[in-house]
Amino acid sequence: MTKMLDAKQLEPLRYAIDRVRTGHSLSASEIADAWRILMSGGAPEGLIGALLTALATRKPTGEELFGASSIMKEFVQKVHLEGDCTQFLDTCGTGGAPKTFNVSTAAGIVLAACGVKIAKHGNRSRTGRGSAEVLESLGINIHATQQQQQASFEEENICFCFAPNHHKAVASVMPVRKQLGFPTIFNLLGPLSNPCDAGRQLLGVWDDAFVVPMAESLLQSSTTKSAVVHSHDGLDEVSVSAPTRMVLVDDGKLVESTIDPESLGLEISRLEDLVASDLNQATAFVRDTLSGALQGGVRDMVVLNVSVGLFLADRAQDLSEGLQIANETIDSGRANETLLKWANISFSS
C-alpha cells in the first residue's frame, strides 16, 4: 500500500485547490506540482476530488493542460519504437461526443497503409465500442507486449497503446473519478499523453470550448504538426454531415480553419447513417471500409479523416490530395492487408 503523504508534502495540492476555487488559473509548474502528488498515489481521496471538482467548474487553460500532461508523461510506461518520434502520428480523440463509429481507428489503419507511422493511443468506452473493443473484435491483440508493438510498428507502420497498460499511475485516482460521475480534466489529458511521444496528432474533442485550450497545450509541448478538431454537429471527428472546426498547430503558431466536406467534393451525409448501433456494426463499418466493400458516408468520413492525417504527416499538400491517396490506398487492397498482417503480428511470439 502506498504511504500517505504528510501535510507539508500535500501543500502544492492544497495550494492548487485554493487557487482554482478562488477563480485563479494555475501556471504549468503549479499544476505540475499538484499532479505529481496525484500520480504518486499518496494523496487523500478528499483532496483529489476537491481539485478535480474545482477544475471541472470551468474550462482548463492550455497552460494547465500542458503542465498536467507533462506529469502524465513522466509516469507513463513508454513504448520505445524505432525512428524519429517527432514524425509519429496519433489519431486519438477525447471521446464524450455523440458516438458514430470508430473513425479515428479506421483512419489510423488506412494511414499506416499509406506509409505513415501510427502510434495509436486508446481505451475502452462507456458505450462498449471504443477503439480497444473494436480492435479486439477485428482480431488485434490490445495487450500486445512491447516486443509485439515494436514488430507491428516496424512491419506495418502501426501499434496500439491500450491506455490502462501504460498509465498505471492513473489507477490511484480512478475511484475518485468514478465517485464524481462527471467528466474531469483527465478526459482531456489522455490524448495529450501518448506513450510513444508521438509528435503529430489528429485530436478530436467532445466540446468546442476545448479546441483552443487543447491546441495551446500542444503548442507548448513543441508538437511537430497537429490539429484539434470539433465538428459543427458535435463530433470529436472530422465530420461529413457538417463542417468541422480545426485549429492547426504548426511552426510555433495556431491557425484556425473550417473543413467543409462539400467543398472537397463529398456529399453531405445524414448523421444517423454514420451511427453504429452496437459493437458488431461498428466493427463491420471499419472492416468493410478497409476492404473496400462499403461505400457512402461511412467510407467518406474515414477517407476525410485520413486526408487530414496525411496533411499533418506531410504526405499530402492539401486535403484534396489526401482524399485521392486515401481512396487509392483502400481500393488497392493495402488498407485491408495492413489490418490482416497487423492482427497476425500482434499475437506473434
Protein backbone atom coordinates (compact mmCIF):
# COMPACT_ATOMS: atom_id res chain seq x y z
CA MET A 1 0.00 0.00 0.00
CA THR A 2 1.25 3.47 -0.89
CA LYS A 3 2.15 5.57 2.13
CA MET A 4 0.01 8.69 2.53
CA LEU A 5 1.85 11.99 2.19
CA ASP A 6 2.15 14.31 5.18
CA ALA A 7 0.76 17.85 5.41
CA LYS A 8 3.90 19.52 4.13
CA GLN A 9 4.15 17.21 1.14
CA LEU A 10 0.49 17.94 0.31
CA GLU A 11 0.94 21.72 0.32
CA PRO A 12 1.20 22.09 -3.50
CA LEU A 13 -2.08 20.20 -3.89
CA ARG A 14 -3.89 22.32 -1.30
CA TYR A 15 -2.47 25.47 -2.89
CA ALA A 16 -3.79 24.43 -6.32
CA ILE A 17 -7.25 23.71 -4.89
CA ASP A 18 -7.42 27.12 -3.17
CA ARG A 19 -6.24 28.95 -6.30
CA VAL A 20 -8.83 27.33 -8.55
CA ARG A 21 -11.64 27.72 -6.03
CA THR A 22 -10.94 31.45 -5.78
CA GLY A 23 -11.16 31.92 -9.54
CA HIS A 24 -7.50 31.82 -10.49
CA SER A 25 -5.81 29.74 -13.15
CA LEU A 26 -2.70 27.71 -12.41
CA SER A 27 0.67 28.04 -14.06
CA ALA A 28 2.14 24.97 -15.73
CA SER A 29 4.54 24.46 -12.83
CA GLU A 30 1.81 24.90 -10.18
CA ILE A 31 -0.49 22.27 -11.68
CA ALA A 32 2.52 20.04 -12.38
CA ASP A 33 3.43 20.08 -8.68
CA ALA A 34 -0.15 19.16 -7.77
CA TRP A 35 -0.37 16.49 -10.46
CA ARG A 36 2.81 14.80 -9.33
CA ILE A 37 1.14 14.31 -5.95
CA LEU A 38 -1.97 12.85 -7.59
CA MET A 39 0.11 10.43 -9.66
CA SER A 40 2.19 9.36 -6.64
CA GLY A 41 -0.79 7.59 -5.08
CA GLY A 42 -0.23 9.23 -1.71
CA ALA A 43 -2.98 11.87 -1.80
CA PRO A 44 -6.22 11.59 0.22
CA GLU A 45 -9.30 10.97 -1.91
CA GLY A 46 -10.95 14.08 -0.49
CA LEU A 47 -8.22 16.35 -1.84
CA ILE A 48 -8.17 14.57 -5.21
CA GLY A 49 -11.92 15.05 -5.54
CA ALA A 50 -11.69 18.68 -4.46
CA LEU A 51 -9.15 19.54 -7.14
CA LEU A 52 -10.92 17.64 -9.93
CA THR A 53 -14.25 19.19 -8.99
CA ALA A 54 -12.83 22.70 -8.83
CA LEU A 55 -11.18 22.30 -12.23
CA ALA A 56 -14.43 20.96 -13.71
CA THR A 57 -16.30 24.19 -12.92
CA ARG A 58 -14.64 25.91 -15.89
CA LYS A 59 -12.60 25.02 -18.96
CA PRO A 60 -8.91 24.44 -18.30
CA THR A 61 -6.28 26.70 -19.80
CA GLY A 62 -3.71 25.50 -22.29
CA GLU A 63 -1.02 26.00 -19.66
CA GLU A 64 -2.89 23.86 -17.13
CA LEU A 65 -3.36 21.08 -19.69
CA PHE A 66 0.30 21.26 -20.64
CA GLY A 67 1.51 21.17 -17.03
CA ALA A 68 -0.69 18.23 -16.03
CA SER A 69 0.02 16.24 -19.20
CA SER A 70 3.77 16.72 -18.72
CA ILE A 71 3.47 14.84 -15.41
CA MET A 72 1.31 12.18 -17.06
CA LYS A 73 4.18 11.63 -19.47
CA GLU A 74 6.65 11.36 -16.59
CA PHE A 75 4.66 8.48 -15.11
CA VAL A 76 3.65 6.72 -18.35
CA GLN A 77 5.10 3.34 -19.29
CA LYS A 78 6.68 4.32 -22.59
CA VAL A 79 6.90 2.27 -25.78
CA HIS A 80 10.33 2.64 -27.35
CA LEU A 81 9.92 2.49 -31.12
CA GLU A 82 12.47 2.70 -33.88
CA GLY A 83 12.53 6.01 -35.72
CA ASP A 84 12.02 9.69 -35.09
CA CYS A 85 9.06 10.13 -32.73
CA THR A 86 8.51 13.67 -34.00
CA GLN A 87 7.23 12.01 -37.18
CA PHE A 88 4.86 9.54 -35.47
CA LEU A 89 1.13 10.33 -35.73
CA ASP A 90 -1.59 9.57 -33.19
CA THR A 91 -5.29 9.59 -34.13
CA CYS A 92 -6.77 9.72 -30.63
CA GLY A 93 -9.76 11.78 -29.56
CA THR A 94 -11.20 12.56 -26.15
CA GLY A 95 -14.44 10.66 -26.62
CA GLY A 96 -17.51 12.01 -24.88
CA ALA A 97 -19.12 13.20 -28.12
CA PRO A 98 -22.16 11.55 -29.71
CA LYS A 99 -20.90 8.16 -30.93
CA THR A 100 -20.82 7.42 -34.65
CA PHE A 101 -18.32 4.60 -35.22
CA ASN A 102 -14.58 4.19 -34.73
CA VAL A 103 -13.45 6.74 -37.26
CA SER A 104 -10.04 7.50 -35.79
CA THR A 105 -9.23 3.79 -35.50
CA ALA A 106 -10.16 3.09 -39.12
CA ALA A 107 -8.30 6.21 -40.24
CA GLY A 108 -5.20 5.12 -38.34
CA ILE A 109 -5.10 1.78 -40.16
CA VAL A 110 -5.51 3.42 -43.57
CA LEU A 111 -2.81 5.95 -42.70
CA ALA A 112 -0.46 3.11 -41.77
CA ALA A 113 -1.17 1.53 -45.14
CA CYS A 114 -0.23 4.88 -46.69
CA GLY A 115 3.18 4.63 -45.01
CA VAL A 116 2.55 6.98 -42.07
CA LYS A 117 3.95 5.76 -38.75
CA ILE A 118 0.90 5.45 -36.46
CA ALA A 119 1.35 5.33 -32.68
CA LYS A 120 -2.32 4.79 -31.79
CA HIS A 121 -3.37 5.52 -28.23
CA GLY A 122 -6.80 4.48 -26.99
CA ASN A 123 -9.05 2.92 -24.39
CA ARG A 124 -12.32 1.17 -23.84
CA SER A 125 -15.50 3.25 -23.92
CA ARG A 126 -18.58 3.55 -21.75
CA THR A 127 -20.51 2.68 -24.95
CA GLY A 128 -18.78 -0.71 -25.17
CA ARG A 129 -17.36 0.07 -28.60
CA GLY A 130 -14.29 2.20 -28.10
CA SER A 131 -11.06 1.74 -30.02
CA ALA A 132 -9.97 -1.11 -27.74
CA GLU A 133 -13.20 -3.08 -28.15
CA VAL A 134 -13.30 -2.64 -31.92
CA LEU A 135 -9.65 -3.54 -32.39
CA GLU A 136 -10.19 -6.70 -30.33
CA SER A 137 -13.19 -7.51 -32.49
CA LEU A 138 -11.02 -7.01 -35.60
CA GLY A 139 -8.50 -9.53 -34.28
CA ILE A 140 -5.88 -7.19 -32.80
CA ASN A 141 -4.15 -8.06 -29.53
CA ILE A 142 -4.67 -4.88 -27.50
CA HIS A 143 -2.49 -6.28 -24.71
CA ALA A 144 0.49 -6.79 -27.02
CA THR A 145 3.91 -6.81 -25.40
CA GLN A 146 6.39 -4.08 -26.16
CA GLN A 147 8.16 -6.50 -28.49
CA GLN A 148 4.92 -7.16 -30.36
CA GLN A 149 4.16 -3.44 -30.51
CA GLN A 150 7.61 -2.77 -31.92
CA ALA A 151 7.23 -5.54 -34.50
CA SER A 152 3.87 -4.32 -35.81
CA PHE A 153 5.16 -0.75 -35.90
CA GLU A 154 8.26 -1.71 -37.87
CA GLU A 155 6.50 -4.08 -40.27
CA GLU A 156 3.06 -2.50 -40.71
CA ASN A 157 3.63 1.10 -39.50
CA ILE A 158 1.18 0.83 -36.61
CA CYS A 159 0.94 -0.15 -32.96
CA PHE A 160 -1.78 0.26 -30.36
CA CYS A 161 -1.15 1.53 -26.84
CA PHE A 162 -4.01 0.44 -24.57
CA ALA A 163 -4.16 3.29 -22.06
CA PRO A 164 -4.60 1.27 -18.82
CA ASN A 165 -1.48 -0.76 -19.66
CA HIS A 166 0.63 2.38 -19.95
CA HIS A 167 -0.94 4.82 -17.46
CA LYS A 168 -0.90 2.65 -14.35
CA ALA A 169 -0.38 5.66 -12.07
CA VAL A 170 -3.83 6.93 -13.06
CA ALA A 171 -5.32 3.96 -11.18
CA SER A 172 -4.76 5.89 -7.95
CA VAL A 173 -7.37 8.48 -8.95
CA MET A 174 -9.87 6.13 -10.65
CA PRO A 175 -12.02 5.51 -7.53
CA VAL A 176 -12.48 9.26 -7.13
CA ARG A 177 -13.28 9.79 -10.81
CA LYS A 178 -15.95 7.08 -10.64
CA GLN A 179 -17.44 8.59 -7.50
CA LEU A 180 -17.62 12.04 -9.07
CA GLY A 181 -19.62 10.73 -12.01
CA PHE A 182 -18.84 13.57 -14.43
CA PRO A 183 -16.07 14.18 -16.98
CA THR A 184 -12.89 15.58 -15.45
CA ILE A 185 -9.72 17.07 -16.85
CA PHE A 186 -8.37 13.50 -17.14
CA ASN A 187 -10.68 13.02 -20.14
CA LEU A 188 -8.64 15.70 -21.90
CA LEU A 189 -5.22 14.60 -20.65
CA GLY A 190 -5.28 11.10 -22.15
CA PRO A 191 -4.81 12.21 -25.77
CA LEU A 192 -2.05 14.60 -24.64
CA SER A 193 -0.06 11.76 -23.03
CA ASN A 194 0.90 9.41 -25.86
CA PRO A 195 3.19 6.62 -24.60
CA CYS A 196 5.27 6.79 -27.80
CA ASP A 197 5.81 10.57 -27.62
CA ALA A 198 4.09 10.98 -30.99
CA GLY A 199 4.97 14.40 -32.36
CA ARG A 200 1.93 14.69 -34.62
CA GLN A 201 -1.70 14.34 -33.62
CA LEU A 202 -5.17 14.43 -35.07
CA LEU A 203 -7.06 15.13 -31.86
CA GLY A 204 -10.84 15.41 -31.64
CA VAL A 205 -12.59 16.95 -28.63
CA TRP A 206 -16.19 16.49 -27.44
CA ASP A 207 -16.87 20.18 -26.82
CA ASP A 208 -15.98 23.18 -28.95
CA ALA A 209 -14.85 25.04 -25.82
CA PHE A 210 -11.81 22.77 -25.56
CA VAL A 211 -10.50 23.23 -29.10
CA VAL A 212 -8.25 26.22 -28.39
CA PRO A 213 -7.01 25.15 -24.92
CA MET A 214 -6.02 21.74 -26.29
CA ALA A 215 -4.26 23.38 -29.23
CA GLU A 216 -2.46 25.77 -26.88
CA SER A 217 -1.28 22.81 -24.81
CA LEU A 218 0.08 21.10 -27.91
CA LEU A 219 1.80 24.32 -28.89
CA GLN A 220 3.61 24.47 -25.55
CA SER A 221 4.61 20.82 -25.89
CA SER A 222 6.54 21.61 -29.10
CA THR A 223 4.41 19.33 -31.24
CA THR A 224 5.69 18.86 -34.77
CA LYS A 225 2.38 19.35 -36.58
CA SER A 226 -1.03 18.63 -35.08
CA ALA A 227 -4.68 19.60 -35.34
CA VAL A 228 -7.53 19.79 -32.84
CA VAL A 229 -11.00 19.30 -34.34
CA HIS A 230 -14.66 19.52 -33.36
CA SER A 231 -17.47 19.33 -35.88
CA HIS A 232 -20.44 21.66 -36.06
CA ASP A 233 -22.69 18.66 -35.43
CA GLY A 234 -20.92 17.91 -32.15
CA LEU A 235 -18.47 15.14 -33.08
CA ASP A 236 -14.88 14.64 -31.93
CA GLU A 237 -14.01 13.74 -35.53
CA VAL A 238 -13.86 15.48 -38.89
CA SER A 239 -17.48 15.11 -39.98
CA VAL A 240 -19.13 14.51 -43.34
CA SER A 241 -22.54 15.57 -42.05
CA ALA A 242 -21.46 19.14 -41.19
CA PRO A 243 -18.41 21.41 -41.41
CA THR A 244 -15.66 20.91 -38.83
CA ARG A 245 -13.69 23.49 -36.90
CA MET A 246 -9.95 22.80 -36.99
CA VAL A 247 -7.10 24.57 -35.21
CA LEU A 248 -3.78 23.64 -36.77
CA VAL A 249 -0.69 23.72 -34.55
CA ASP A 250 2.33 24.19 -36.77
CA ASP A 251 5.55 26.18 -36.90
CA GLY A 252 5.01 27.74 -33.49
CA LYS A 253 1.56 29.15 -34.18
CA LEU A 254 -2.15 28.32 -34.23
CA VAL A 255 -4.11 28.61 -37.47
CA GLU A 256 -7.88 28.17 -37.45
CA SER A 257 -9.90 26.96 -40.43
CA THR A 258 -13.11 25.16 -41.35
CA ILE A 259 -13.21 21.84 -43.18
CA ASP A 260 -16.26 21.76 -45.44
CA PRO A 261 -16.88 18.28 -46.91
CA GLU A 262 -18.99 19.66 -49.79
CA SER A 263 -16.18 21.95 -50.94
CA LEU A 264 -13.98 18.84 -51.19
CA GLY A 265 -16.47 17.08 -53.43
CA LEU A 266 -18.03 14.87 -50.74
CA GLU A 267 -21.77 14.50 -50.34
CA ILE A 268 -23.25 15.60 -47.03
CA SER A 269 -24.37 12.51 -45.13
CA ARG A 270 -27.13 12.19 -42.58
CA LEU A 271 -25.61 11.86 -39.13
CA GLU A 272 -27.89 8.94 -38.30
CA ASP A 273 -26.44 6.98 -41.23
CA LEU A 274 -22.98 7.21 -39.61
CA VAL A 275 -24.04 5.81 -36.24
CA ALA A 276 -23.24 2.19 -35.46
CA SER A 277 -25.89 0.63 -33.25
CA ASP A 278 -23.57 -1.77 -31.43
CA LEU A 279 -20.07 -3.27 -31.40
CA ASN A 280 -20.85 -5.70 -34.22
CA GLN A 281 -21.97 -2.93 -36.55
CA ALA A 282 -19.08 -0.66 -35.53
CA THR A 283 -16.67 -3.49 -36.34
CA ALA A 284 -18.42 -4.12 -39.67
CA PHE A 285 -18.18 -0.43 -40.57
CA VAL A 286 -14.42 -0.48 -40.06
CA ARG A 287 -13.78 -3.90 -41.64
CA ASP A 288 -15.96 -3.22 -44.70
CA THR A 289 -14.45 0.23 -45.22
CA LEU A 290 -10.92 -1.18 -45.14
CA SER A 291 -11.82 -3.98 -47.54
CA GLY A 292 -13.47 -1.57 -49.97
CA ALA A 293 -16.85 -3.27 -49.64
CA LEU A 294 -18.54 -0.27 -48.04
CA GLN A 295 -19.24 2.93 -49.93
CA GLY A 296 -21.10 6.10 -48.99
CA GLY A 297 -20.93 8.29 -45.91
CA VAL A 298 -19.08 5.90 -43.61
CA ARG A 299 -16.23 5.48 -46.10
CA ASP A 300 -16.27 9.21 -46.89
CA MET A 301 -15.83 10.00 -43.21
CA VAL A 302 -12.86 7.66 -42.91
CA VAL A 303 -11.09 9.00 -46.00
CA LEU A 304 -11.70 12.61 -44.96
CA ASN A 305 -10.04 11.96 -41.59
CA VAL A 306 -7.23 10.10 -43.36
CA SER A 307 -6.72 13.10 -45.63
CA VAL A 308 -6.25 15.37 -42.61
CA GLY A 309 -3.80 12.84 -41.17
CA LEU A 310 -1.84 12.75 -44.41
CA PHE A 311 -1.65 16.54 -44.37
CA LEU A 312 -0.39 16.52 -40.77
CA ALA A 313 2.19 13.87 -41.69
CA ASP A 314 3.35 15.98 -44.65
CA ARG A 315 2.29 13.22 -47.05
CA ALA A 316 -0.29 15.40 -48.82
CA GLN A 317 -0.08 19.07 -49.73
CA ASP A 318 -3.78 19.60 -49.09
CA LEU A 319 -6.94 17.71 -48.22
CA SER A 320 -7.91 17.11 -51.85
CA GLU A 321 -4.66 15.28 -52.50
CA GLY A 322 -5.14 13.44 -49.21
CA LEU A 323 -8.57 12.20 -50.27
CA GLN A 324 -7.13 10.85 -53.50
CA ILE A 325 -4.33 9.00 -51.70
CA ALA A 326 -6.75 7.60 -49.09
CA ASN A 327 -9.17 6.26 -51.71
CA GLU A 328 -6.36 4.72 -53.76
CA THR A 329 -4.96 3.02 -50.65
CA ILE A 330 -8.30 1.41 -49.84
CA ASP A 331 -9.07 0.44 -53.46
CA SER A 332 -5.63 -1.13 -53.90
CA GLY A 333 -6.27 -3.51 -51.00
CA ARG A 334 -3.35 -2.17 -48.97
CA ALA A 335 -5.53 -0.99 -46.08
CA ASN A 336 -7.15 -4.38 -45.64
CA GLU A 337 -3.77 -6.10 -45.96
CA THR A 338 -2.35 -3.87 -43.22
CA LEU A 339 -5.17 -4.88 -40.88
CA LEU A 340 -4.71 -8.60 -41.51
CA LYS A 341 -0.94 -8.51 -41.13
CA TRP A 342 -1.14 -6.35 -38.01
CA ALA A 343 -3.54 -8.86 -36.43
CA ASN A 344 -1.06 -11.69 -37.01
CA ILE A 345 1.97 -9.74 -35.75
CA SER A 346 0.16 -8.55 -32.63
CA PHE A 347 -0.04 -12.15 -31.38
CA SER A 348 3.38 -13.25 -32.61
CA SER A 349 5.90 -14.57 -30.07
